[in-house]
């Protein structure tokens, strides 16, 4: 079972081979070019992402392996994403202080934790319409760091089998009887196995 197979924070209680790792950095940013805040080789899952900037024209870019996610602080605010949710980034603090400056916070708490197989980077850059020559950017990522892949994968496999027990045996056609044996009529009512019965509601 690969990490992308719908693992939630609650599932971590039943998994092994991992620990939490905090990635964070604060630096100045300008309009000239993107500034690197995080550049980390890691195998794991993103549990939470926080980003603070002193300019609302800031664009923050998260690259997870080869997937790029771009967040423009002002666009998120104008779109109305200012309430906590676990589907997409939202602005949790909007405190303007003149021009494009102030204190602005973006949060991303995904319900299903995105996997990172090799690398994660975070960059930030001021917009061309900023009233400031430079601003401050701070980012923090809470990661599930998988330090023992074999133990993590095995515990995830066991968890998956317990939550979603296989039902293939119930759906597969019965083997044809050999010529030397007469075929037997199937039972009138097929009952779920003990393992399946714990998870499948019987319908009268």
Protein backbone atom coordinates (compact mmCIF):
# COMPACT_ATOMS: atom_id res chain seq x y z
CA UNK A 1 0.00 0.00 0.00
CA UNK A 2 1.50 3.31 -1.08
CA UNK A 3 1.32 6.40 1.18
CA UNK A 4 -1.09 8.15 -1.23
CA UNK A 5 -3.81 5.59 -0.43
CA UNK A 6 -5.99 7.89 1.66
CA UNK A 7 -4.28 8.09 5.04
CA UNK A 8 -5.80 10.46 7.57
CA UNK A 9 -4.20 11.87 10.76
CA UNK A 10 -6.21 9.40 12.86
CA UNK A 11 -4.65 6.47 10.99
CA UNK A 12 -1.23 7.47 12.31
CA UNK A 13 -2.16 6.00 15.70
CA UNK A 14 -2.04 2.53 14.12
CA UNK A 15 1.11 2.95 12.01
CA UNK A 16 4.75 2.47 12.90
CA UNK A 17 8.10 3.50 11.43
CA UNK A 18 7.44 7.25 11.54
CA UNK A 19 7.91 10.37 13.64
CA UNK A 20 6.96 14.03 13.31
CA UNK A 21 9.37 16.51 11.77
CA UNK A 22 8.97 20.27 11.75
CA UNK A 23 10.32 22.24 8.80
CA UNK A 24 10.42 26.02 9.31
CA UNK A 25 12.26 29.07 8.08
CA UNK A 26 11.98 32.87 8.10
CA UNK A 27 13.64 35.24 5.64
CA UNK A 28 13.24 38.42 3.63
CA UNK A 29 11.59 38.37 0.19
CA UNK A 30 11.59 40.81 -2.73
CA UNK A 31 10.02 41.28 -6.15
CA UNK A 32 13.19 40.36 -8.01
CA UNK A 33 12.98 36.56 -7.84
CA UNK A 34 11.49 33.77 -5.69
CA UNK A 35 13.22 33.27 -2.35
CA UNK A 36 13.80 29.75 -1.13
CA UNK A 37 12.37 29.01 2.33
CA UNK A 38 12.41 25.21 2.47
CA UNK A 39 14.36 22.71 0.38
CA UNK A 40 14.13 19.28 1.98
CA UNK A 41 14.61 15.68 0.82
CA UNK A 42 12.12 13.60 2.78
CA UNK A 43 9.77 10.62 2.49
CA UNK A 44 6.51 11.12 4.33
CA UNK A 45 3.24 13.03 4.48
CA UNK A 46 2.23 16.66 4.97
CA UNK A 47 0.14 17.09 8.10
CA UNK A 48 -0.12 20.90 8.22
CA UNK A 49 1.25 23.98 6.45
CA UNK A 50 1.47 27.55 7.81
CA UNK A 51 2.69 30.64 6.00
CA UNK A 52 3.01 34.20 7.34
CA UNK A 53 3.94 37.25 5.27
CA UNK A 54 4.14 41.00 5.89
CA UNK A 55 2.76 41.78 2.40
CA UNK A 56 -0.51 40.55 0.92
CA UNK A 57 0.81 40.53 -2.66
CA UNK A 58 3.07 37.61 -1.73
CA UNK A 59 2.89 34.41 -3.75
CA UNK A 60 4.02 31.20 -2.05
CA UNK A 61 4.80 28.12 -4.13
CA UNK A 62 4.94 24.60 -2.73
CA UNK A 63 6.57 21.93 -4.89
CA UNK A 64 5.89 18.35 -3.77
CA UNK A 65 8.09 16.08 -5.87
CA UNK A 66 7.00 17.25 -9.35
CA UNK A 67 3.64 18.73 -8.36
CA UNK A 68 3.50 22.53 -8.02
CA UNK A 69 0.92 24.30 -5.84
CA UNK A 70 0.81 28.11 -6.05
CA UNK A 71 -0.95 30.22 -3.42
CA UNK A 72 -1.48 33.95 -3.93
CA UNK A 73 -2.37 35.41 -0.53
CA UNK A 74 -4.58 38.20 -1.87
CA UNK A 75 -6.43 35.88 -4.27
CA UNK A 76 -7.24 33.44 -1.46
CA UNK A 77 -8.63 36.30 0.64
CA UNK A 78 -10.68 37.83 -2.18
CA UNK A 79 -12.10 34.40 -3.04
CA UNK A 80 -13.58 34.31 0.46
CA UNK A 81 -11.51 31.46 1.86
CA UNK A 82 -11.19 32.93 5.35
CA UNK A 83 -12.81 30.18 7.44
CA UNK A 84 -11.10 27.00 8.65
CA UNK A 85 -11.55 24.03 6.32
CA UNK A 86 -9.62 20.87 5.51
CA UNK A 87 -10.00 21.00 1.74
CA UNK A 88 -7.84 23.93 0.63
CA UNK A 89 -5.64 26.77 1.95
CA UNK A 90 -7.42 29.63 3.72
CA UNK A 91 -6.44 33.00 5.22
CA UNK A 92 -6.58 32.74 9.01
CA UNK A 93 -5.29 36.27 9.75
CA UNK A 94 -5.71 39.46 7.69
CA UNK A 95 -4.29 42.56 9.38
CA UNK A 96 -3.42 45.33 6.86
CA UNK A 97 -1.25 48.18 8.09
CA UNK A 98 -1.05 50.56 5.13
CA UNK A 99 -0.27 50.00 1.47
CA UNK A 100 0.16 46.30 0.85
CA UNK A 101 1.89 45.77 4.19
CA UNK A 102 0.60 44.19 7.37
CA UNK A 103 0.40 40.69 8.82
CA UNK A 104 -1.23 37.89 6.83
CA UNK A 105 -1.38 34.16 7.56
CA UNK A 106 -2.32 31.29 5.26
CA UNK A 107 -3.10 27.83 6.68
CA UNK A 108 -3.51 24.47 4.98
CA UNK A 109 -4.71 21.52 7.10
CA UNK A 110 -5.47 18.77 4.56
CA UNK A 111 -7.95 16.09 5.65
CA UNK A 112 -6.08 13.56 3.50
CA UNK A 113 -2.36 14.10 3.95
CA UNK A 114 -0.48 14.59 0.66
CA UNK A 115 2.50 12.24 0.27
CA UNK A 116 6.05 13.39 -0.35
CA UNK A 117 8.09 10.64 -1.96
CA UNK A 118 11.37 12.47 -2.51
CA UNK A 119 11.46 16.25 -2.10
CA UNK A 120 9.55 19.33 -0.95
CA UNK A 121 10.40 22.98 -1.57
CA UNK A 122 8.70 26.23 -0.59
CA UNK A 123 9.46 29.59 -2.22
CA UNK A 124 7.92 33.04 -1.83
CA UNK A 125 8.02 36.27 -3.83
CA UNK A 126 6.49 39.74 -3.61
CA UNK A 127 4.04 40.79 -6.30
CA UNK A 128 4.96 43.51 -8.78
CA UNK A 129 2.21 45.72 -7.33
CA UNK A 130 3.64 45.64 -3.81
CA UNK A 131 4.14 49.02 -2.13
CA UNK A 132 7.21 47.64 -0.35
CA UNK A 133 10.70 46.93 -1.61
CA UNK A 134 11.02 43.93 0.71
CA UNK A 135 8.92 41.93 3.16
CA UNK A 136 9.22 39.10 5.65
CA UNK A 137 8.03 35.55 4.98
CA UNK A 138 7.83 32.71 7.49
CA UNK A 139 6.77 29.15 6.72
CA UNK A 140 6.26 26.07 8.85
CA UNK A 141 5.40 22.54 7.71
CA UNK A 142 4.51 19.71 10.07
CA UNK A 143 5.58 16.46 8.40
CA UNK A 144 5.05 12.79 9.06
CA UNK A 145 8.63 11.65 8.51
CA UNK A 146 8.79 7.97 7.53
CA UNK A 147 12.18 6.79 8.80
CA UNK A 148 11.45 3.06 8.40
CA UNK A 149 9.65 2.47 5.09
CA UNK A 150 9.28 -1.29 5.54
CA UNK A 151 7.67 -0.98 8.98
CA UNK A 152 5.44 1.86 7.80
CA UNK A 153 4.26 0.01 4.67
CA UNK A 154 3.61 -3.21 6.58
CA UNK A 155 1.59 -1.47 9.29
CA UNK A 156 -0.34 0.45 6.61
CA UNK A 157 -1.06 -2.82 4.81
CA UNK A 158 -2.36 -4.42 8.00
CA UNK A 159 -4.49 -1.36 8.72
CA UNK A 160 -5.95 -1.48 5.21
CA UNK A 161 -6.81 -5.16 5.52
CA UNK A 162 -8.52 -4.62 8.86
CA UNK A 163 -10.60 -1.69 7.65
CA UNK A 164 -11.31 -3.01 4.14
CA UNK A 165 -11.24 -6.85 4.38
CA UNK A 166 -11.10 -8.61 1.04
CA UNK A 167 -14.39 -9.74 -0.45
CA UNK A 168 -12.96 -11.30 -3.59
CA UNK A 169 -13.81 -14.80 -2.37
CA UNK A 170 -17.47 -13.83 -2.15
CA UNK A 171 -17.57 -12.37 -5.65
CA UNK A 172 -15.43 -14.84 -7.59
CA UNK A 173 -17.30 -17.65 -9.42
CA UNK A 174 -17.09 -21.10 -7.86
CA UNK A 175 -14.67 -23.48 -9.61
CA UNK A 176 -16.24 -25.96 -12.01
CA UNK A 177 -16.56 -29.46 -10.57
CA UNK A 178 -14.26 -32.12 -11.99
CA UNK A 179 -15.85 -34.70 -14.34
CA UNK A 180 -15.50 -37.45 -11.71
CA UNK A 181 -17.49 -35.53 -9.12
CA UNK A 182 -21.12 -34.54 -9.41
CA UNK A 183 -21.80 -30.86 -9.09
CA UNK A 184 -23.43 -29.73 -5.89
CA UNK A 185 -26.20 -27.21 -5.69
CA UNK A 186 -25.16 -23.97 -3.97
CA UNK A 187 -26.62 -23.26 -0.53
CA UNK A 188 -29.88 -21.37 -0.53
CA UNK A 189 -28.36 -18.38 1.27
CA UNK A 190 -24.70 -17.44 1.23
CA UNK A 191 -23.53 -16.11 4.57
CA UNK A 192 -20.56 -13.72 4.91
CA UNK A 193 -17.43 -15.16 6.46
CA UNK A 194 -16.65 -14.31 10.07
CA UNK A 195 -14.09 -11.67 9.03
CA UNK A 196 -16.42 -10.08 6.51
CA UNK A 197 -19.43 -10.29 8.78
CA UNK A 198 -17.86 -7.86 11.20
CA UNK A 199 -17.73 -5.15 8.53
CA UNK A 200 -20.64 -5.87 6.18
CA UNK A 201 -24.18 -5.14 7.34
CA UNK A 202 -26.53 -7.97 6.51
CA UNK A 203 -29.53 -6.87 4.45
CA UNK A 204 -32.69 -8.98 4.98
